Amino acid sequence: MVKSNSSKIIIVDKVSKSYTVGKKKTIALDQISFEVEPGTLFGLIGPDGAGKTSLFRILTSLLLPDEGNIMVDGLDVITEYKILRQRIGYMPGKFSLYTDLTIQENIEFFASLFGTSFEANYDLIKDLYIQIEPFKDRRAGKLSGGMKQKLALCCALIHRPSILFLDEPTTGVDAVSRKEFWEMLQLLKAEGITIIVSTPYMDEANLCDKVALIQGGKILQIDSPKHIVENFSKPIYAVKSPNMIPLLKVLEKHPGIENAYPFGEFHHIVLENNTKEKPLLDGIDINRIVPNIEDVFIDLMRTHA
């Protein structure tokens, strides 16, 4: 049994979850363990199918783990789930508000579920609400992706939770809405709310205080984005030529190159640790670069494959 630790608002200890469809068993989470400090913006970073949603549903008491223990805000998610649900806000990946209710009706309804009111906690959602207030009488089903996102966040916050769980909140929204959303998360963090967010977008990892890189139900690494990048010691180069497709095949077979993969308009190559000189190839531009968190994640996935 995991003991409550006042310095950690979330404690996950050796949690596993699997699903069986027919005769096939799929492992969604495999001995996951991590801790989150209060007031942190903590990111779960990984592609679709990595196990992020299963973990979120377990953390919010909506799904039982096969094994392991979880404490959230000092409460056991299995035995004390009724109390826990009063303290957390959850925004699932799929829009799940009432599409036939208006913006205002949705917010007031969710406030009433928690025994509070729109007016009582208006100060917390004000910055969000003023962006959708001109459309407060519009039904939720008629809103754009960005406005649905803001409404869902308002409803998740209206009871002033201590922890906010956001499952891929920026998937399917435009770049401007994504930027605005992350700016809002920083403001909520300043209010003392602990935020747990999952995303498949590697660029969003840099906006978190600490991230867990997850793939195949396993956590590959946990640290601040800055430290994850700084601890990557292998030489990495950006390569470009007029013939990028055949170049990739050449790079994959070149001695001293541990990994090669497309990256935007370039190919990135990771050299073996004992390789001190860049590969000499005719007709290409090659420059050493500072790795980003996506480079590190690709390397970790290859190492743990």
Protein backbone atom coordinates (compact mmCIF):
# COMPACT_ATOMS: atom_id res chain seq x y z
CA MET A 1 0.00 0.00 0.00
CA VAL A 2 1.37 3.43 -0.98
CA LYS A 3 1.56 5.87 1.93
CA SER A 4 0.44 9.46 1.46
CA ASN A 5 3.30 11.94 1.08
CA SER A 6 2.45 15.60 1.57
CA SER A 7 5.28 16.64 -0.73
CA LYS A 8 3.78 14.64 -3.62
CA ILE A 9 0.27 15.31 -4.87
CA ILE A 10 0.27 12.23 -7.11
CA ILE A 11 2.01 8.92 -6.38
CA VAL A 12 1.77 6.10 -8.92
CA ASP A 13 3.39 2.83 -7.89
CA LYS A 14 3.85 -0.15 -10.25
CA VAL A 15 0.53 0.28 -12.05
CA SER A 16 -0.38 -2.14 -14.84
CA LYS A 17 -3.42 -2.45 -17.09
CA SER A 18 -4.25 -4.78 -19.94
CA TYR A 19 -7.25 -5.38 -22.21
CA THR A 20 -8.39 -8.64 -23.72
CA VAL A 21 -10.34 -8.67 -26.99
CA GLY A 22 -11.19 -12.17 -28.12
CA LYS A 23 -8.03 -14.19 -27.52
CA LYS A 24 -5.67 -11.23 -27.87
CA LYS A 25 -4.28 -9.53 -24.78
CA THR A 26 -2.97 -5.99 -25.11
CA ILE A 27 -0.84 -4.44 -22.40
CA ALA A 28 -1.76 -0.77 -22.04
CA LEU A 29 0.36 0.01 -18.96
CA ASP A 30 3.33 -2.00 -17.75
CA GLN A 31 4.56 -1.35 -14.18
CA ILE A 32 4.20 2.44 -14.38
CA SER A 33 5.66 4.44 -11.47
CA PHE A 34 6.10 8.19 -11.00
CA GLU A 35 5.39 11.07 -8.63
CA VAL A 36 4.15 14.63 -9.17
CA GLU A 37 4.84 17.60 -6.91
CA PRO A 38 2.08 20.11 -6.06
CA GLY A 39 1.77 23.12 -8.37
CA THR A 40 3.55 21.34 -11.23
CA LEU A 41 2.63 21.38 -14.89
CA PHE A 42 3.39 17.72 -15.64
CA GLY A 43 3.27 16.32 -19.16
CA LEU A 44 2.70 12.77 -20.41
CA ILE A 45 4.29 12.79 -23.84
CA GLY A 46 3.81 9.98 -26.33
CA PRO A 47 2.13 8.87 -29.56
CA ASP A 48 -1.37 7.45 -29.89
CA GLY A 49 -1.59 4.03 -28.27
CA ALA A 50 1.20 4.73 -25.78
CA GLY A 51 -1.11 4.28 -22.77
CA LYS A 52 -1.79 7.91 -21.89
CA THR A 53 -5.60 7.73 -21.85
CA SER A 54 -5.66 4.49 -19.86
CA LEU A 55 -3.41 6.09 -17.26
CA PHE A 56 -5.58 9.22 -17.13
CA ARG A 57 -8.74 7.17 -16.63
CA ILE A 58 -7.09 5.27 -13.77
CA LEU A 59 -5.81 8.47 -12.14
CA THR A 60 -9.30 9.97 -12.26
CA SER A 61 -10.95 6.81 -10.79
CA LEU A 62 -12.80 5.96 -14.02
CA LEU A 63 -10.88 2.73 -14.65
CA LEU A 64 -9.50 0.11 -12.28
CA PRO A 65 -5.86 -0.96 -12.66
CA ASP A 66 -4.97 -4.67 -12.82
CA GLU A 67 -2.31 -4.06 -10.18
CA GLY A 68 -0.48 -1.24 -8.45
CA ASN A 69 -1.41 1.62 -6.14
CA ILE A 70 -2.28 5.26 -6.81
CA MET A 71 -2.64 8.17 -4.42
CA VAL A 72 -4.04 11.46 -5.74
CA ASP A 73 -4.22 14.47 -3.43
CA GLY A 74 -3.67 12.16 -0.46
CA LEU A 75 -6.55 9.85 -1.46
CA ASP A 76 -6.58 6.27 -2.69
CA VAL A 77 -8.20 6.37 -6.14
CA ILE A 78 -9.94 3.03 -5.57
CA THR A 79 -11.25 3.22 -2.01
CA GLU A 80 -11.72 7.00 -1.72
CA TYR A 81 -12.90 7.81 -5.23
CA LYS A 82 -16.06 9.63 -4.16
CA ILE A 83 -14.08 12.25 -2.24
CA LEU A 84 -11.42 12.40 -4.96
CA ARG A 85 -13.93 13.25 -7.69
CA GLN A 86 -14.88 16.41 -5.79
CA ARG A 87 -11.27 17.61 -5.86
CA ILE A 88 -10.20 17.00 -9.44
CA GLY A 89 -11.13 18.41 -12.82
CA TYR A 90 -11.01 16.15 -15.87
CA MET A 91 -11.12 17.12 -19.53
CA PRO A 92 -11.19 13.96 -21.69
CA GLY A 93 -9.73 13.83 -25.16
CA LYS A 94 -13.15 13.58 -26.78
CA PHE A 95 -15.56 16.49 -26.36
CA SER A 96 -18.09 15.16 -23.85
CA LEU A 97 -20.29 18.11 -22.85
CA TYR A 98 -23.98 18.34 -23.66
CA THR A 99 -24.20 19.44 -27.28
CA ASP A 100 -27.87 20.48 -27.00
CA LEU A 101 -27.15 22.84 -24.10
CA THR A 102 -25.74 26.32 -24.60
CA ILE A 103 -22.34 27.46 -23.35
CA GLN A 104 -23.91 29.09 -20.31
CA GLU A 105 -26.19 26.15 -19.56
CA ASN A 106 -23.27 23.69 -19.66
CA ILE A 107 -21.17 25.73 -17.24
CA GLU A 108 -24.05 26.27 -14.81
CA PHE A 109 -25.01 22.59 -14.98
CA PHE A 110 -21.50 21.39 -14.11
CA ALA A 111 -21.25 23.95 -11.33
CA SER A 112 -24.48 22.60 -9.83
CA LEU A 113 -23.15 19.03 -9.90
CA PHE A 114 -20.41 20.11 -7.49
CA GLY A 115 -22.70 22.16 -5.28
CA THR A 116 -21.30 25.51 -6.36
CA SER A 117 -22.27 28.24 -8.82
CA PHE A 118 -21.00 30.10 -11.86
CA GLU A 119 -20.79 33.31 -9.83
CA ALA A 120 -18.85 31.75 -6.92
CA ASN A 121 -15.90 30.68 -9.07
CA TYR A 122 -16.15 33.19 -11.92
CA ASP A 123 -12.76 34.69 -11.02
CA LEU A 124 -11.01 31.41 -11.86
CA ILE A 125 -12.52 31.02 -15.34
CA LYS A 126 -12.86 34.73 -16.19
CA ASP A 127 -9.97 34.89 -18.67
CA LEU A 128 -11.39 31.88 -20.52
CA TYR A 129 -15.04 32.82 -20.24
CA ILE A 130 -14.70 36.31 -21.71
CA GLN A 131 -13.43 34.70 -24.93
CA ILE A 132 -16.61 32.65 -25.36
CA GLU A 133 -19.09 34.97 -23.61
CA PRO A 134 -20.29 36.60 -26.87
CA PHE A 135 -21.59 33.14 -27.85
CA LYS A 136 -22.93 32.08 -24.44
CA ASP A 137 -26.39 31.35 -25.89
CA ARG A 138 -25.02 29.17 -28.69
CA ARG A 139 -25.43 25.40 -28.34
CA ALA A 140 -22.20 23.55 -27.62
CA GLY A 141 -22.65 21.29 -30.64
CA LYS A 142 -22.43 24.33 -32.93
CA LEU A 143 -19.07 25.57 -31.60
CA SER A 144 -15.70 25.43 -33.37
CA GLY A 145 -12.96 23.11 -32.08
CA GLY A 146 -11.16 25.92 -30.26
CA MET A 147 -14.34 27.18 -28.58
CA LYS A 148 -15.34 23.66 -27.52
CA GLN A 149 -11.92 23.33 -25.94
CA LYS A 150 -12.34 26.54 -23.94
CA LEU A 151 -15.85 25.60 -22.84
CA ALA A 152 -14.68 22.15 -21.71
CA LEU A 153 -11.89 23.74 -19.68
CA CYS A 154 -14.37 26.14 -18.06
CA CYS A 155 -16.55 23.21 -17.02
CA ALA A 156 -13.55 21.29 -15.66
CA LEU A 157 -12.54 24.32 -13.56
CA ILE A 158 -15.89 25.63 -12.33
CA HIS A 159 -15.67 23.78 -8.98
CA ARG A 160 -12.09 25.04 -8.37
CA PRO A 161 -10.25 21.67 -8.38
CA SER A 162 -6.83 21.19 -6.82
CA ILE A 163 -5.69 19.02 -9.74
CA LEU A 164 -6.61 19.35 -13.40
CA PHE A 165 -6.30 16.36 -15.76
CA LEU A 166 -6.25 17.22 -19.47
CA ASP A 167 -6.14 14.33 -21.93
CA GLU A 168 -4.75 15.56 -25.28
CA PRO A 169 -6.58 18.89 -24.98
CA THR A 170 -5.03 20.47 -28.09
CA THR A 171 -5.53 17.61 -30.54
CA GLY A 172 -7.49 18.76 -33.57
CA VAL A 173 -7.42 22.50 -32.81
CA ASP A 174 -5.66 25.22 -34.77
CA ALA A 175 -2.21 26.59 -33.93
CA VAL A 176 -3.54 29.87 -32.50
CA SER A 177 -5.95 28.04 -30.16
CA ARG A 178 -3.13 25.73 -29.07
CA LYS A 179 -0.96 28.71 -28.15
CA GLU A 180 -3.79 30.43 -26.26
CA PHE A 181 -4.58 27.22 -24.42
CA TRP A 182 -1.04 26.77 -23.12
CA GLU A 183 -0.91 30.41 -22.06
CA MET A 184 -4.05 29.76 -20.03
CA LEU A 185 -2.47 26.71 -18.40
CA GLN A 186 0.42 28.86 -17.20
CA LEU A 187 -2.08 31.24 -15.58
CA LEU A 188 -3.88 28.35 -13.87
CA LYS A 189 -0.57 27.01 -12.61
CA ALA A 190 0.09 30.46 -11.08
CA GLU A 191 -3.20 29.98 -9.18
CA GLY A 192 -1.68 26.93 -7.50
CA ILE A 193 -3.50 24.27 -9.53
CA THR A 194 -1.52 21.13 -10.32
CA ILE A 195 -1.94 20.30 -14.02
CA ILE A 196 -1.42 16.90 -15.63
CA VAL A 197 -1.60 17.09 -19.41
CA SER A 198 -1.07 14.46 -22.09
CA THR A 199 -0.12 15.26 -25.65
CA PRO A 200 1.31 13.60 -28.77
CA TYR A 201 2.94 16.93 -29.77
CA MET A 202 6.62 16.99 -28.88
CA ASP A 203 6.84 20.79 -29.10
CA GLU A 204 4.40 21.04 -26.19
CA ALA A 205 6.75 19.06 -23.98
CA ASN A 206 8.97 22.13 -23.62
CA LEU A 207 6.05 24.01 -22.03
CA CYS A 208 5.89 21.59 -19.08
CA ASP A 209 7.89 21.72 -15.84
CA LYS A 210 8.50 17.99 -15.98
CA VAL A 211 7.58 15.33 -18.53
CA ALA A 212 7.26 11.56 -18.67
CA LEU A 213 8.07 10.11 -22.08
CA ILE A 214 5.77 7.11 -22.54
CA GLN A 215 5.63 4.46 -25.25
CA GLY A 216 4.12 0.98 -25.35
CA GLY A 217 2.79 1.29 -21.82
CA LYS A 218 6.23 2.00 -20.36
CA ILE A 219 7.74 5.24 -19.11
CA LEU A 220 11.05 5.68 -20.89
CA GLN A 221 12.29 8.74 -19.00
CA ILE A 222 11.07 11.35 -16.51
CA ASP A 223 12.74 14.72 -16.02
CA SER A 224 12.47 18.37 -16.96
CA PRO A 225 12.58 18.93 -20.75
CA LYS A 226 15.82 20.88 -20.29
CA HIS A 227 17.57 18.07 -18.42
CA ILE A 228 16.31 15.40 -20.83
CA VAL A 229 17.92 17.23 -23.74
CA GLU A 230 21.11 18.14 -21.84
CA ASN A 231 21.68 14.50 -20.85
CA PHE A 232 21.60 13.29 -24.45
CA SER A 233 25.30 12.70 -25.13
CA LYS A 234 25.35 11.21 -28.63
CA PRO A 235 26.51 13.40 -31.54
CA ILE A 236 23.60 14.44 -33.78
CA TYR A 237 23.64 16.13 -37.18
CA ALA A 238 21.14 17.63 -39.61
CA VAL A 239 21.66 16.48 -43.18
CA LYS A 240 20.24 17.83 -46.43
CA SER A 241 20.69 17.13 -50.12
CA PRO A 242 18.71 17.53 -53.38
CA ASN A 243 17.79 13.82 -53.25
CA MET A 244 16.49 13.20 -49.76
CA ILE A 245 14.77 9.81 -50.24
CA PRO A 246 17.79 7.92 -51.61
CA LEU A 247 20.01 9.78 -49.13
CA LEU A 248 18.10 8.27 -46.19
CA LYS A 249 18.82 4.76 -47.42
CA VAL A 250 22.52 5.59 -47.73
CA LEU A 251 22.61 7.07 -44.23
CA GLU A 252 20.89 4.04 -42.68
CA LYS A 253 23.72 1.78 -43.95
CA HIS A 254 26.62 4.14 -43.34
CA PRO A 255 29.18 2.94 -40.75
CA GLY A 256 29.25 4.93 -37.54
CA ILE A 257 25.63 6.09 -37.88
CA GLU A 258 23.45 4.59 -35.18
CA ASN A 259 20.13 5.98 -36.45
CA ALA A 260 18.83 8.10 -39.32
CA TYR A 261 15.32 9.47 -39.74
CA PRO A 262 13.40 12.22 -41.59
CA PHE A 263 12.92 15.43 -39.62
CA GLY A 264 11.08 18.19 -41.48
CA GLU A 265 13.18 19.33 -44.46
CA PHE A 266 16.24 17.52 -43.08
CA HIS A 267 17.32 14.05 -42.08
CA HIS A 268 18.72 13.75 -38.57
CA ILE A 269 21.51 11.29 -37.95
CA VAL A 270 22.68 10.06 -34.56
CA LEU A 271 26.26 8.84 -34.44
CA GLU A 272 27.55 6.06 -32.26
CA ASN A 273 29.07 7.35 -29.03
CA ASN A 274 32.61 6.45 -29.99
CA THR A 275 32.34 8.19 -33.38
CA LYS A 276 34.17 11.50 -33.13
CA GLU A 277 34.06 12.74 -36.72
CA LYS A 278 31.05 13.48 -38.88
CA PRO A 279 30.51 11.16 -41.86
CA LEU A 280 31.99 12.31 -45.13
CA LEU A 281 29.43 12.13 -47.92
CA ASP A 282 29.58 13.86 -51.29
CA GLY A 283 27.01 16.48 -52.28
CA ILE A 284 25.30 16.97 -48.92
CA ASP A 285 25.06 19.70 -46.32
CA ILE A 286 25.77 18.37 -42.84
CA ASN A 287 25.85 20.36 -39.62
CA ARG A 288 26.01 19.36 -35.98
CA ILE A 289 22.92 20.44 -34.06
CA VAL A 290 21.61 20.60 -30.52
CA PRO A 291 19.07 17.78 -30.07
CA ASN A 292 15.49 18.55 -29.16
CA ILE A 293 13.15 16.43 -27.09
CA GLU A 294 11.77 14.65 -30.16
CA ASP A 295 15.29 13.47 -31.07
CA VAL A 296 15.69 12.10 -27.54
CA PHE A 297 12.30 10.37 -27.68
CA ILE A 298 13.10 8.72 -31.02
CA ASP A 299 16.38 7.46 -29.59
CA LEU A 300 14.67 6.12 -26.46
CA MET A 301 12.02 4.30 -28.51
CA ARG A 302 14.75 2.66 -30.58
CA THR A 303 16.72 1.68 -27.48
CA HIS A 304 13.67 0.17 -25.74
CA ALA A 305 12.21 -1.52 -28.83
